[in-house]
PDB file of N, CA and C in Angstrom:
ATOM      1  N   MET A   1      66.535  86.570  13.384  1.00  0.00           N
ATOM      2  CA  MET A   1      66.370  87.637  12.409  1.00  0.00           C
ATOM      3  C   MET A   1      67.700  87.925  11.723  1.00  0.00           C
ATOM      4  N   SER A   2      67.610  88.391  10.511  1.00  0.00           N
ATOM      5  CA  SER A   2      68.815  88.743   9.765  1.00  0.00           C
ATOM      6  C   SER A   2      69.297  90.142  10.165  1.00  0.00           C
ATOM      7  N   GLU A   3      70.522  90.433   9.775  1.00  0.00           N
ATOM      8  CA  GLU A   3      71.079  91.763  10.043  1.00  0.00           C
ATOM      9  C   GLU A   3      70.179  92.845   9.438  1.00  0.00           C
ATOM     10  N   LYS A   4      69.772  92.642   8.202  1.00  0.00           N
ATOM     11  CA  LYS A   4      68.943  93.637   7.515  1.00  0.00           C
ATOM     12  C   LYS A   4      67.611  93.863   8.237  1.00  0.00           C
ATOM     13  N   GLU A   5      66.984  92.780   8.681  1.00  0.00           N
ATOM     14  CA  GLU A   5      65.710  92.905   9.413  1.00  0.00           C
ATOM     15  C   GLU A   5      65.911  93.640  10.737  1.00  0.00           C
ATOM     16  N   LEU A   6      66.981  93.297  11.435  1.00  0.00           N
ATOM     17  CA  LEU A   6      67.263  93.954  12.712  1.00  0.00           C
ATOM     18  C   LEU A   6      67.571  95.435  12.518  1.00  0.00           C
ATOM     19  N   ILE A   7      68.326  95.753  11.470  1.00  0.00           N
ATOM     20  CA  ILE A   7      68.633  97.163  11.188  1.00  0.00           C
ATOM     21  C   ILE A   7      67.341  97.927  10.898  1.00  0.00           C
ATOM     22  N   GLY A   8      66.438  97.320  10.157  1.00  0.00           N
ATOM     23  CA  GLY A   8      65.142  97.951   9.888  1.00  0.00           C
ATOM     24  C   GLY A   8      64.376  98.222  11.171  1.00  0.00           C
ATOM     25  N   GLN A   9      64.416  97.254  12.074  1.00  0.00           N
ATOM     26  CA  GLN A   9      63.739  97.413  13.365  1.00  0.00           C
ATOM     27  C   GLN A   9      64.412  98.517  14.192  1.00  0.00           C
ATOM     28  N   ALA A  10      65.740  98.528  14.212  1.00  0.00           N
ATOM     29  CA  ALA A  10      66.474  99.557  14.961  1.00  0.00           C
ATOM     30  C   ALA A  10      66.176 100.939  14.383  1.00  0.00           C
ATOM     31  N   LYS A  11      66.139 101.046  13.055  1.00  0.00           N
ATOM     32  CA  LYS A  11      65.844 102.322  12.398  1.00  0.00           C
ATOM     33  C   LYS A  11      64.475 102.835  12.813  1.00  0.00           C
ATOM     34  N   GLU A  12      63.490 101.946  12.800  1.00  0.00           N
ATOM     35  CA  GLU A  12      62.124 102.339  13.163  1.00  0.00           C
ATOM     36  C   GLU A  12      62.077 102.884  14.594  1.00  0.00           C
ATOM     37  N   LEU A  13      62.724 102.197  15.515  1.00  0.00           N
ATOM     38  CA  LEU A  13      62.747 102.636  16.912  1.00  0.00           C
ATOM     39  C   LEU A  13      63.520 103.952  17.061  1.00  0.00           C
ATOM     40  N   TRP A  14      64.687 104.013  16.430  1.00  0.00           N
ATOM     41  CA  TRP A  14      65.546 105.204  16.489  1.00  0.00           C
ATOM     42  C   TRP A  14      64.778 106.429  15.990  1.00  0.00           C
ATOM     43  N   ASP A  15      64.160 106.280  14.824  1.00  0.00           N
ATOM     44  CA  ASP A  15      63.487 107.421  14.205  1.00  0.00           C
ATOM     45  C   ASP A  15      62.269 107.884  15.005  1.00  0.00           C
ATOM     46  N   LYS A  16      61.751 107.025  15.876  1.00  0.00           N
ATOM     47  CA  LYS A  16      60.668 107.421  16.780  1.00  0.00           C
ATOM     48  C   LYS A  16      61.218 108.071  18.052  1.00  0.00           C
ATOM     49  N   GLY A  17      62.539 108.058  18.205  1.00  0.00           N
ATOM     50  CA  GLY A  17      63.157 108.628  19.401  1.00  0.00           C
ATOM     51  C   GLY A  17      63.264 107.644  20.552  1.00  0.00           C
ATOM     52  N   ASP A  18      63.006 106.359  20.278  1.00  0.00           N
ATOM     53  CA  ASP A  18      63.136 105.326  21.307  1.00  0.00           C
ATOM     54  C   ASP A  18      64.565 104.763  21.235  1.00  0.00           C
ATOM     55  N   PHE A  19      65.510 105.597  21.682  1.00  0.00           N
ATOM     56  CA  PHE A  19      66.921 105.247  21.548  1.00  0.00           C
ATOM     57  C   PHE A  19      67.312 104.062  22.422  1.00  0.00           C
ATOM     58  N   TYR A  20      66.661 103.918  23.566  1.00  0.00           N
ATOM     59  CA  TYR A  20      67.007 102.790  24.428  1.00  0.00           C
ATOM     60  C   TYR A  20      66.667 101.463  23.736  1.00  0.00           C
ATOM     61  N   SER A  21      65.474 101.366  23.179  1.00  0.00           N
ATOM     62  CA  SER A  21      65.087 100.133  22.486  1.00  0.00           C
ATOM     63  C   SER A  21      65.929  99.921  21.235  1.00  0.00           C
ATOM     64  N   ALA A  22      66.260 101.017  20.530  1.00  0.00           N
ATOM     65  CA  ALA A  22      67.111 100.899  19.347  1.00  0.00           C
ATOM     66  C   ALA A  22      68.469 100.334  19.724  1.00  0.00           C
ATOM     67  N   HIS A  23      68.998 100.761  20.867  1.00  0.00           N
ATOM     68  CA  HIS A  23      70.301 100.248  21.309  1.00  0.00           C
ATOM     69  C   HIS A  23      70.229  98.750  21.574  1.00  0.00           C
ATOM     70  N   GLU A  24      69.123  98.286  22.139  1.00  0.00           N
ATOM     71  CA  GLU A  24      68.983  96.851  22.399  1.00  0.00           C
ATOM     72  C   GLU A  24      68.961  96.047  21.105  1.00  0.00           C
ATOM     73  N   VAL A  25      68.276  96.555  20.082  1.00  0.00           N
ATOM     74  CA  VAL A  25      68.227  95.858  18.794  1.00  0.00           C
ATOM     75  C   VAL A  25      69.612  95.885  18.138  1.00  0.00           C
ATOM     76  N   LEU A  26      70.294  97.022  18.232  1.00  0.00           N
ATOM     77  CA  LEU A  26      71.642  97.112  17.669  1.00  0.00           C
ATOM     78  C   LEU A  26      72.606  96.153  18.367  1.00  0.00           C
ATOM     79  N   GLU A  27      72.388  95.907  19.652  1.00  0.00           N
ATOM     80  CA  GLU A  27      73.206  94.897  20.344  1.00  0.00           C
ATOM     81  C   GLU A  27      72.983  93.514  19.740  1.00  0.00           C
ATOM     82  N   ASP A  28      71.748  93.225  19.334  1.00  0.00           N
ATOM     83  CA  ASP A  28      71.470  91.943  18.670  1.00  0.00           C
ATOM     84  C   ASP A  28      72.223  91.851  17.344  1.00  0.00           C
ATOM     85  N   VAL A  29      72.325  92.967  16.623  1.00  0.00           N
ATOM     86  CA  VAL A  29      73.091  92.989  15.371  1.00  0.00           C
ATOM     87  C   VAL A  29      74.566  92.755  15.685  1.00  0.00           C
ATOM     88  N   TRP A  30      75.083  93.465  16.669  1.00  0.00           N
ATOM     89  CA  TRP A  30      76.484  93.354  17.080  1.00  0.00           C
ATOM     90  C   TRP A  30      76.852  91.894  17.379  1.00  0.00           C
ATOM     91  N   ARG A  31      75.929  91.180  18.013  1.00  0.00           N
ATOM     92  CA  ARG A  31      76.178  89.781  18.381  1.00  0.00           C
ATOM     93  C   ARG A  31      76.260  88.850  17.167  1.00  0.00           C
ATOM     94  N   LEU A  32      75.779  89.291  16.021  1.00  0.00           N
ATOM     95  CA  LEU A  32      75.845  88.462  14.807  1.00  0.00           C
ATOM     96  C   LEU A  32      77.273  88.314  14.293  1.00  0.00           C
ATOM     97  N   PHE A  33      78.161  89.204  14.711  1.00  0.00           N
ATOM     98  CA  PHE A  33      79.526  89.224  14.180  1.00  0.00           C
ATOM     99  C   PHE A  33      80.478  88.521  15.137  1.00  0.00           C
ATOM    100  N   PRO A  34      81.345  87.679  14.600  1.00  0.00           N
ATOM    101  CA  PRO A  34      82.297  86.968  15.463  1.00  0.00           C
ATOM    102  C   PRO A  34      83.308  87.949  16.074  1.00  0.00           C
ATOM    103  N   LYS A  35      83.854  87.563  17.202  1.00  0.00           N
ATOM    104  CA  LYS A  35      84.824  88.410  17.905  1.00  0.00           C
ATOM    105  C   LYS A  35      86.010  88.766  17.017  1.00  0.00           C
ATOM    106  N   GLU A  36      86.319  87.913  16.063  1.00  0.00           N
ATOM    107  CA  GLU A  36      87.449  88.154  15.166  1.00  0.00           C
ATOM    108  C   GLU A  36      87.183  89.341  14.221  1.00  0.00           C
ATOM    109  N   ASP A  37      85.910  89.651  13.989  1.00  0.00           N
ATOM    110  CA  ASP A  37      85.550  90.772  13.112  1.00  0.00           C
ATOM    111  C   ASP A  37      85.498  92.047  13.953  1.00  0.00           C
ATOM    112  N   LYS A  38      86.678  92.461  14.384  1.00  0.00           N
ATOM    113  CA  LYS A  38      86.783  93.614  15.284  1.00  0.00           C
ATOM    114  C   LYS A  38      86.252  94.894  14.632  1.00  0.00           C
ATOM    115  N   TYR A  39      86.474  95.042  13.340  1.00  0.00           N
ATOM    116  CA  TYR A  39      86.024  96.247  12.639  1.00  0.00           C
ATOM    117  C   TYR A  39      84.502  96.403  12.713  1.00  0.00           C
ATOM    118  N   SER A  40      83.772  95.378  12.296  1.00  0.00           N
ATOM    119  CA  SER A  40      82.300  95.458  12.301  1.00  0.00           C
ATOM    120  C   SER A  40      81.772  95.618  13.718  1.00  0.00           C
ATOM    121  N   ARG A  41      82.341  94.872  14.637  1.00  0.00           N
ATOM    122  CA  ARG A  41      81.889  94.968  16.028  1.00  0.00           C
ATOM    123  C   ARG A  41      82.152  96.361  16.595  1.00  0.00           C
ATOM    124  N   ASN A  42      83.292  96.955  16.262  1.00  0.00           N
ATOM    125  CA  ASN A  42      83.609  98.292  16.730  1.00  0.00           C
ATOM    126  C   ASN A  42      82.614  99.315  16.173  1.00  0.00           C
ATOM    127  N   CYS A  43      82.330  99.222  14.882  1.00  0.00           N
ATOM    128  CA  CYS A  43      81.416 100.185  14.268  1.00  0.00           C
ATOM    129  C   CYS A  43      80.010 100.038  14.843  1.00  0.00           C
ATOM    130  N   TYR A  44      79.548  98.812  14.997  1.00  0.00           N
ATOM    131  CA  TYR A  44      78.225  98.632  15.601  1.00  0.00           C
ATOM    132  C   TYR A  44      78.219  99.083  17.065  1.00  0.00           C
ATOM    133  N   GLN A  45      79.307  98.855  17.777  1.00  0.00           N
ATOM    134  CA  GLN A  45      79.359  99.320  19.168  1.00  0.00           C
ATOM    135  C   GLN A  45      79.270 100.846  19.219  1.00  0.00           C
ATOM    136  N   GLY A  46      79.883 101.524  18.253  1.00  0.00           N
ATOM    137  CA  GLY A  46      79.765 102.975  18.187  1.00  0.00           C
ATOM    138  C   GLY A  46      78.321 103.415  17.999  1.00  0.00           C
ATOM    139  N   LEU A  47      77.577 102.695  17.162  1.00  0.00           N
ATOM    140  CA  LEU A  47      76.158 103.014  16.954  1.00  0.00           C
ATOM    141  C   LEU A  47      75.345 102.733  18.213  1.00  0.00           C
ATOM    142  N   ILE A  48      75.667 101.642  18.883  1.00  0.00           N
ATOM    143  CA  ILE A  48      74.994 101.313  20.147  1.00  0.00           C
ATOM    144  C   ILE A  48      75.229 102.435  21.156  1.00  0.00           C
ATOM    145  N   ARG A  49      76.477 102.866  21.252  1.00  0.00           N
ATOM    146  CA  ARG A  49      76.809 103.944  22.193  1.00  0.00           C
ATOM    147  C   ARG A  49      76.118 105.251  21.810  1.00  0.00           C
ATOM    148  N   LEU A  50      75.979 105.510  20.527  1.00  0.00           N
ATOM    149  CA  LEU A  50      75.295 106.730  20.108  1.00  0.00           C
ATOM    150  C   LEU A  50      73.841 106.717  20.579  1.00  0.00           C
ATOM    151  N   ALA A  51      73.184 105.583  20.425  1.00  0.00           N
ATOM    152  CA  ALA A  51      71.810 105.465  20.923  1.00  0.00           C
ATOM    153  C   ALA A  51      71.766 105.689  22.434  1.00  0.00           C
ATOM    154  N   ILE A  52      72.743 105.150  23.144  1.00  0.00           N
ATOM    155  CA  ILE A  52      72.798 105.325  24.603  1.00  0.00           C
ATOM    156  C   ILE A  52      73.045 106.793  24.961  1.00  0.00           C
ATOM    157  N   ALA A  53      73.933 107.466  24.212  1.00  0.00           N
ATOM    158  CA  ALA A  53      74.204 108.886  24.469  1.00  0.00           C
ATOM    159  C   ALA A  53      72.915 109.698  24.349  1.00  0.00           C
ATOM    160  N   TYR A  54      72.146 109.435  23.301  1.00  0.00           N
ATOM    161  CA  TYR A  54      70.907 110.177  23.114  1.00  0.00           C
ATOM    162  C   TYR A  54      69.878 109.818  24.177  1.00  0.00           C
ATOM    163  N   ASN A  55      69.872 108.575  24.620  1.00  0.00           N
ATOM    164  CA  ASN A  55      68.982 108.194  25.714  1.00  0.00           C
ATOM    165  C   ASN A  55      69.382 108.936  26.994  1.00  0.00           C
ATOM    166  N   HIS A  56      70.677 108.994  27.287  1.00  0.00           N
ATOM    167  CA  HIS A  56      71.144 109.760  28.457  1.00  0.00           C
ATOM    168  C   HIS A  56      70.644 111.198  28.374  1.00  0.00           C
ATOM    169  N   TYR A  57      70.807 111.801  27.219  1.00  0.00           N
ATOM    170  CA  TYR A  57      70.390 113.200  27.059  1.00  0.00           C
ATOM    171  C   TYR A  57      68.901 113.358  27.337  1.00  0.00           C
ATOM    172  N   LEU A  58      68.085 112.496  26.749  1.00  0.00           N
ATOM    173  CA  LEU A  58      66.635 112.592  26.933  1.00  0.00           C
ATOM    174  C   LEU A  58      66.216 112.366  28.379  1.00  0.00           C
ATOM    175  N   CYS A  59      67.056 111.648  29.124  1.00  0.00           N
ATOM    176  CA  CYS A  59      66.772 111.395  30.540  1.00  0.00           C
ATOM    177  C   CYS A  59      67.377 112.480  31.438  1.00  0.00           C
ATOM    178  N   GLY A  60      67.920 113.527  30.832  1.00  0.00           N
ATOM    179  CA  GLY A  60      68.451 114.640  31.609  1.00  0.00           C
ATOM    180  C   GLY A  60      69.890 114.462  32.080  1.00  0.00           C
ATOM    181  N   ARG A  61      70.564 113.455  31.588  1.00  0.00           N
ATOM    182  CA  ARG A  61      71.958 113.202  31.996  1.00  0.00           C
ATOM    183  C   ARG A  61      72.903 113.761  30.921  1.00  0.00           C
ATOM    184  N   LYS A  62      73.005 115.084  30.876  1.00  0.00           N
ATOM    185  CA  LYS A  62      73.764 115.754  29.804  1.00  0.00           C
ATOM    186  C   LYS A  62      75.254 115.461  29.886  1.00  0.00           C
ATOM    187  N   GLU A  63      75.816 115.415  31.086  1.00  0.00           N
ATOM    188  CA  GLU A  63      77.257 115.130  31.209  1.00  0.00           C
ATOM    189  C   GLU A  63      77.569 113.715  30.723  1.00  0.00           C
ATOM    190  N   SER A  64      76.708 112.777  31.069  1.00  0.00           N
ATOM    191  CA  SER A  64      76.893 111.401  30.591  1.00  0.00           C
ATOM    192  C   SER A  64      76.759 111.348  29.073  1.00  0.00           C
ATOM    193  N   ALA A  65      75.791 112.079  28.536  1.00  0.00           N
ATOM    194  CA  ALA A  65      75.598 112.111  27.085  1.00  0.00           C
ATOM    195  C   ALA A  65      76.850 112.653  26.396  1.00  0.00           C
ATOM    196  N   LEU A  66      77.411 113.722  26.935  1.00  0.00           N
ATOM    197  CA  LEU A  66      78.608 114.313  26.344  1.00  0.00           C
ATOM    198  C   LEU A  66      79.793 113.352  26.404  1.00  0.00           C
ATOM    199  N   ARG A  67      79.971 112.711  27.534  1.00  0.00           N
ATOM    200  CA  ARG A  67      81.073 111.748  27.688  1.00  0.00           C
ATOM    201  C   ARG A  67      80.953 110.628  26.661  1.00  0.00           C
ATOM    202  N   VAL A  68      79.756 110.093  26.489  1.00  0.00           N
ATOM    203  CA  VAL A  68      79.544 108.986  25.551  1.00  0.00           C
ATOM    204  C   VAL A  68      79.669 109.478  24.104  1.00  0.00           C
ATOM    205  N   LEU A  69      79.172 110.675  23.805  1.00  0.00           N
ATOM    206  CA  LEU A  69      79.312 111.214  22.451  1.00  0.00           C
ATOM    207  C   LEU A  69      80.777 111.345  22.057  1.00  0.00           C
ATOM    208  N   ARG A  70      81.615 111.729  22.994  1.00  0.00           N
ATOM    209  CA  ARG A  70      83.052 111.823  22.696  1.00  0.00           C
ATOM    210  C   ARG A  70      83.626 110.451  22.346  1.00  0.00           C
ATOM    211  N   MET A  71      83.192 109.417  23.073  1.00  0.00           N
ATOM    212  CA  MET A  71      83.641 108.053  22.755  1.00  0.00           C
ATOM    213  C   MET A  71      83.138 107.636  21.374  1.00  0.00           C
ATOM    214  N   VAL A  72      81.883 107.966  21.084  1.00  0.00           N
ATOM    215  CA  VAL A  72      81.275 107.605  19.798  1.00  0.00           C
ATOM    216  C   VAL A  72      82.065 108.229  18.650  1.00  0.00           C
ATOM    217  N   LYS A  73      82.435 109.490  18.795  1.00  0.00           N
ATOM    218  CA  LYS A  73      83.190 110.174  17.737  1.00  0.00           C
ATOM    219  C   LYS A  73      84.478 109.414  17.428  1.00  0.00           C
ATOM    220  N   GLU A  74      85.209 109.046  18.464  1.00  0.00           N
ATOM    221  CA  GLU A  74      86.458 108.308  18.268  1.00  0.00           C
ATOM    222  C   GLU A  74      86.204 106.936  17.657  1.00  0.00           C
ATOM    223  N   GLN A  75      85.124 106.313  18.073  1.00  0.00           N
ATOM    224  CA  GLN A  75      84.845 104.949  17.632  1.00  0.00           C
ATOM    225  C   GLN A  75      84.326 104.889  16.192  1.00  0.00           C
ATOM    226  N   LEU A  76      83.533 105.879  15.785  1.00  0.00           N
ATOM    227  CA  LEU A  76      82.945 105.837  14.445  1.00  0.00           C
ATOM    228  C   LEU A  76      83.850 106.431  13.372  1.00  0.00           C
ATOM    229  N   GLN A  77      84.806 107.262  13.740  1.00  0.00           N
ATOM    230  CA  GLN A  77      85.658 107.893  12.722  1.00  0.00           C
ATOM    231  C   GLN A  77      86.366 106.892  11.809  1.00  0.00           C
ATOM    232  N   PRO A  78      86.887 105.765  12.313  1.00  0.00           N
ATOM    233  CA  PRO A  78      87.549 104.832  11.390  1.00  0.00           C
ATOM    234  C   PRO A  78      86.587 103.995  10.537  1.00  0.00           C
ATOM    235  N   CYS A  79      85.299 104.071  10.807  1.00  0.00           N
ATOM    236  CA  CYS A  79      84.324 103.277  10.066  1.00  0.00           C
ATOM    237  C   CYS A  79      84.105 103.881   8.682  1.00  0.00           C
ATOM    238  N   LYS A  80      83.879 103.023   7.718  1.00  0.00           N
ATOM    239  CA  LYS A  80      83.547 103.502   6.380  1.00  0.00           C
ATOM    240  C   LYS A  80      82.326 104.398   6.472  1.00  0.00           C
ATOM    241  N   LYS A  81      82.292 105.398   5.635  1.00  0.00           N
ATOM    242  CA  LYS A  81      81.201 106.383   5.682  1.00  0.00           C
ATOM    243  C   LYS A  81      79.855 105.771   5.327  1.00  0.00           C
ATOM    244  N   ASP A  82      79.871 104.594   4.704  1.00  0.00           N
ATOM    245  CA  ASP A  82      78.629 103.890   4.374  1.00  0.00           C
ATOM    246  C   ASP A  82      78.669 102.468   4.937  1.00  0.00           C
ATOM    247  N   PHE A  83      79.167 102.354   6.140  1.00  0.00           N
ATOM    248  CA  PHE A  83      79.352 101.053   6.805  1.00  0.00           C
ATOM    249  C   PHE A  83      78.077 100.219   6.740  1.00  0.00           C
ATOM    250  N   ARG A  84      78.159  99.095   6.059  1.00  0.00           N
ATOM    251  CA  ARG A  84      77.075  98.112   5.946  1.00  0.00           C
ATOM    252  C   ARG A  84      75.731  98.772   5.597  1.00  0.00           C
ATOM    253  N   GLY A  85      75.818  99.820   4.765  1.00  0.00           N
ATOM    254  CA  GLY A  85      74.611 100.498   4.309  1.00  0.00           C
ATOM    255  C   GLY A  85      74.097 101.574   5.240  1.00  0.00           C
ATOM    256  N   ILE A  86      74.828 101.867   6.304  1.00  0.00           N
ATOM    257  CA  ILE A  86      74.411 102.881   7.273  1.00  0.00           C
ATOM    258  C   ILE A  86      75.237 104.144   7.015  1.00  0.00           C
ATOM    259  N   ASP A  87      74.582 105.287   6.982  1.00  0.00           N
ATOM    260  CA  ASP A  87      75.247 106.559   6.670  1.00  0.00           C
ATOM    261  C   ASP A  87      75.993 107.084   7.904  1.00  0.00           C
ATOM    262  N   ILE A  88      77.204 106.592   8.084  1.00  0.00           N
ATOM    263  CA  ILE A  88      78.035 106.966   9.236  1.00  0.00           C
ATOM    264  C   ILE A  88      78.462 108.430   9.141  1.00  0.00           C
ATOM    265  N   ALA A  89      78.779 108.907   7.938  1.00  0.00           N
ATOM    266  CA  ALA A  89      79.215 110.301   7.769  1.00  0.00           C
ATOM    267  C   ALA A  89      78.131 111.258   8.269  1.00  0.00           C
ATOM    268  N   TYR A  90      76.898 110.976   7.924  1.00  0.00           N
ATOM    269  CA  TYR A  90      75.756 111.796   8.362  1.00  0.00           C
ATOM    270  C   TYR A  90      75.640 111.783   9.889  1.00  0.00           C
ATOM    271  N   LEU A  91      75.754 110.607  10.485  1.00  0.00           N
ATOM    272  CA  LEU A  91      75.654 110.514  11.949  1.00  0.00           C
ATOM    273  C   LEU A  91      76.792 111.256  12.633  1.00  0.00           C
ATOM    274  N   LEU A  92      77.996 111.149  12.070  1.00  0.00           N
ATOM    275  CA  LEU A  92      79.145 111.840  12.666  1.00  0.00           C
ATOM    276  C   LEU A  92      78.987 113.357  12.630  1.00  0.00           C
ATOM    277  N   GLU A  93      78.330 113.882  11.611  1.00  0.00           N
ATOM    278  CA  GLU A  93      78.063 115.328  11.577  1.00  0.00           C
ATOM    279  C   GLU A  93      77.244 115.739  12.797  1.00  0.00           C
ATOM    280  N   PHE A  94      76.232 114.955  13.127  1.00  0.00           N
ATOM    281  CA  PHE A  94      75.404 115.244  14.300  1.00  0.00           C
ATOM    282  C   PHE A  94      76.212 115.080  15.584  1.00  0.00           C
ATOM    283  N   VAL A  95      77.000 114.022  15.659  1.00  0.00           N
ATOM    284  CA  VAL A  95      77.802 113.777  16.861  1.00  0.00           C
ATOM    285  C   VAL A  95      78.711 114.975  17.128  1.00  0.00           C
ATOM    286  N   GLU A  96      79.410 115.432  16.110  1.00  0.00           N
ATOM    287  CA  GLU A  96      80.334 116.553  16.287  1.00  0.00           C
ATOM    288  C   GLU A  96      79.592 117.823  16.689  1.00  0.00           C
ATOM    289  N   ARG A  97      78.453 118.089  16.058  1.00  0.00           N
ATOM    290  CA  ARG A  97      77.658 119.273  16.410  1.00  0.00           C
ATOM    291  C   ARG A  97      77.113 119.158  17.835  1.00  0.00           C
ATOM    292  N   HIS A  98      76.647 117.979  18.201  1.00  0.00           N
ATOM    293  CA  HIS A  98      76.076 117.807  19.535  1.00  0.00           C
ATOM    294  C   HIS A  98      77.145 117.921  20.618  1.00  0.00           C
ATOM    295  N   ILE A  99      78.347 117.458  20.328  1.00  0.00           N
ATOM    296  CA  ILE A  99      79.449 117.638  21.282  1.00  0.00           C
ATOM    297  C   ILE A  99      79.694 119.136  21.483  1.00  0.00           C
ATOM    298  N   ARG A 100      79.791 119.889  20.392  1.00  0.00           N
ATOM    299  CA  ARG A 100      80.007 121.346  20.492  1.00  0.00           C
ATOM    300  C   ARG A 100      78.879 122.012  21.271  1.00  0.00           C
ATOM    301  N   ASP A 101      77.632 121.621  20.963  1.00  0.00           N
ATOM    302  CA  ASP A 101      76.482 122.225  21.648  1.00  0.00           C
ATOM    303  C   ASP A 101      76.533 121.965  23.151  1.00  0.00           C
ATOM    304  N   LEU A 102      76.757 120.730  23.531  1.00  0.00           N
ATOM    305  CA  LEU A 102      76.772 120.397  24.956  1.00  0.00           C
ATOM    306  C   LEU A 102      77.955 121.046  25.665  1.00  0.00           C
ATOM    307  N   GLU A 103      79.109 121.097  25.004  1.00  0.00           N
ATOM    308  CA  GLU A 103      80.267 121.753  25.616  1.00  0.00           C
ATOM    309  C   GLU A 103      80.006 123.243  25.850  1.00  0.00           C
ATOM    310  N   ALA A 104      79.201 123.846  24.979  1.00  0.00           N
ATOM    311  CA  ALA A 104      78.875 125.272  25.093  1.00  0.00           C
ATOM    312  C   ALA A 104      77.667 125.530  25.986  1.00  0.00           C
ATOM    313  N   GLY A 105      77.117 124.461  26.565  1.00  0.00           N
ATOM    314  CA  GLY A 105      75.961 124.618  27.447  1.00  0.00           C
ATOM    315  C   GLY A 105      74.644 124.763  26.710  1.00  0.00           C
ATOM    316  N   ARG A 106      74.652 124.455  25.414  1.00  0.00           N
ATOM    317  CA  ARG A 106      73.418 124.524  24.632  1.00  0.00           C
ATOM    318  C   ARG A 106      72.704 123.170  24.645  1.00  0.00           C
ATOM    319  N   GLU A 107      71.445 123.222  24.296  1.00  0.00           N
ATOM    320  CA  GLU A 107      70.631 122.011  24.206  1.00  0.00           C
ATOM    321  C   GLU A 107      70.842 121.346  22.846  1.00  0.00           C
ATOM    322  N   ILE A 108      70.550 120.063  22.789  1.00  0.00           N
ATOM    323  CA  ILE A 108      70.471 119.357  21.505  1.00  0.00           C
ATOM    324  C   ILE A 108      69.076 119.634  20.962  1.00  0.00           C
ATOM    325  N   GLU A 109      69.029 120.218  19.777  1.00  0.00           N
ATOM    326  CA  GLU A 109      67.737 120.627  19.238  1.00  0.00           C
ATOM    327  C   GLU A 109      67.109 119.610  18.300  1.00  0.00           C
ATOM    328  N   ASP A 110      67.941 118.768  17.700  1.00  0.00           N
ATOM    329  CA  ASP A 110      67.397 117.759  16.803  1.00  0.00           C
ATOM    330  C   ASP A 110      68.318 116.544  16.790  1.00  0.00           C
ATOM    331  N   PHE A 111      67.720 115.429  16.537  1.00  0.00           N
ATOM    332  CA  PHE A 111      68.455 114.173  16.492  1.00  0.00           C
ATOM    333  C   PHE A 111      68.494 113.677  15.047  1.00  0.00           C
ATOM    334  N   PRO A 112      69.555 112.956  14.691  1.00  0.00           N
ATOM    335  CA  PRO A 112      69.600 112.425  13.329  1.00  0.00           C
ATOM    336  C   PRO A 112      68.609 111.274  13.164  1.00  0.00           C
ATOM    337  N   VAL A 113      68.123 111.114  11.945  1.00  0.00           N
ATOM    338  CA  VAL A 113      67.394 109.888  11.637  1.00  0.00           C
ATOM    339  C   VAL A 113      68.461 108.819  11.391  1.00  0.00           C
ATOM    340  N   PHE A 114      68.044 107.593  11.358  1.00  0.00           N
ATOM    341  CA  PHE A 114      68.959 106.475  11.121  1.00  0.00           C
ATOM    342  C   PHE A 114      68.921 106.193   9.624  1.00  0.00           C
ATOM    343  N   LYS A 115      69.806 106.859   8.878  1.00  0.00           N
ATOM    344  CA  LYS A 115      69.807 106.740   7.410  1.00  0.00           C
ATOM    345  C   LYS A 115      70.448 105.427   6.981  1.00  0.00           C
ATOM    346  N   VAL A 116      69.706 104.688   6.191  1.00  0.00           N
ATOM    347  CA  VAL A 116      70.194 103.436   5.634  1.00  0.00           C
ATOM    348  C   VAL A 116      70.096 103.546   4.119  1.00  0.00           C
ATOM    349  N   PHE A 117      71.205 103.258   3.438  1.00  0.00           N
ATOM    350  CA  PHE A 117      71.198 103.280   1.980  1.00  0.00           C
ATOM    351  C   PHE A 117      70.468 102.049   1.474  1.00  0.00           C
ATOM    352  N   GLN A 118      69.714 102.230   0.420  1.00  0.00           N
ATOM    353  CA  GLN A 118      68.970 101.101  -0.159  1.00  0.00           C
ATOM    354  C   GLN A 118      69.808 100.363  -1.165  1.00  0.00           C
TER     355      GLN A 118
END
């Protein structure tokens, strides 16, 4: 499958709240990039970790979710805000809010959709 097809599949799973399956598809995208393309691999790894963070949260592992969200924030910040057609700026807004919520002992009330620019 192409990157675009895989991203479409990951988006569909993500938007249904199946973050674990979305992370697996995003890993397939990550594997499309050679090790020398550290930038793309880093940005995709941040997205993979974000899916894992949300999966941890849904499974009741809030501390694990918070730990991973902090890593995601650091990893996605250097990525272009429209990295390969994915709205990273939008996702980072949720990451930052969710970190604040979890640190304050609040629940995550909503998850971002996986916005892809056409």
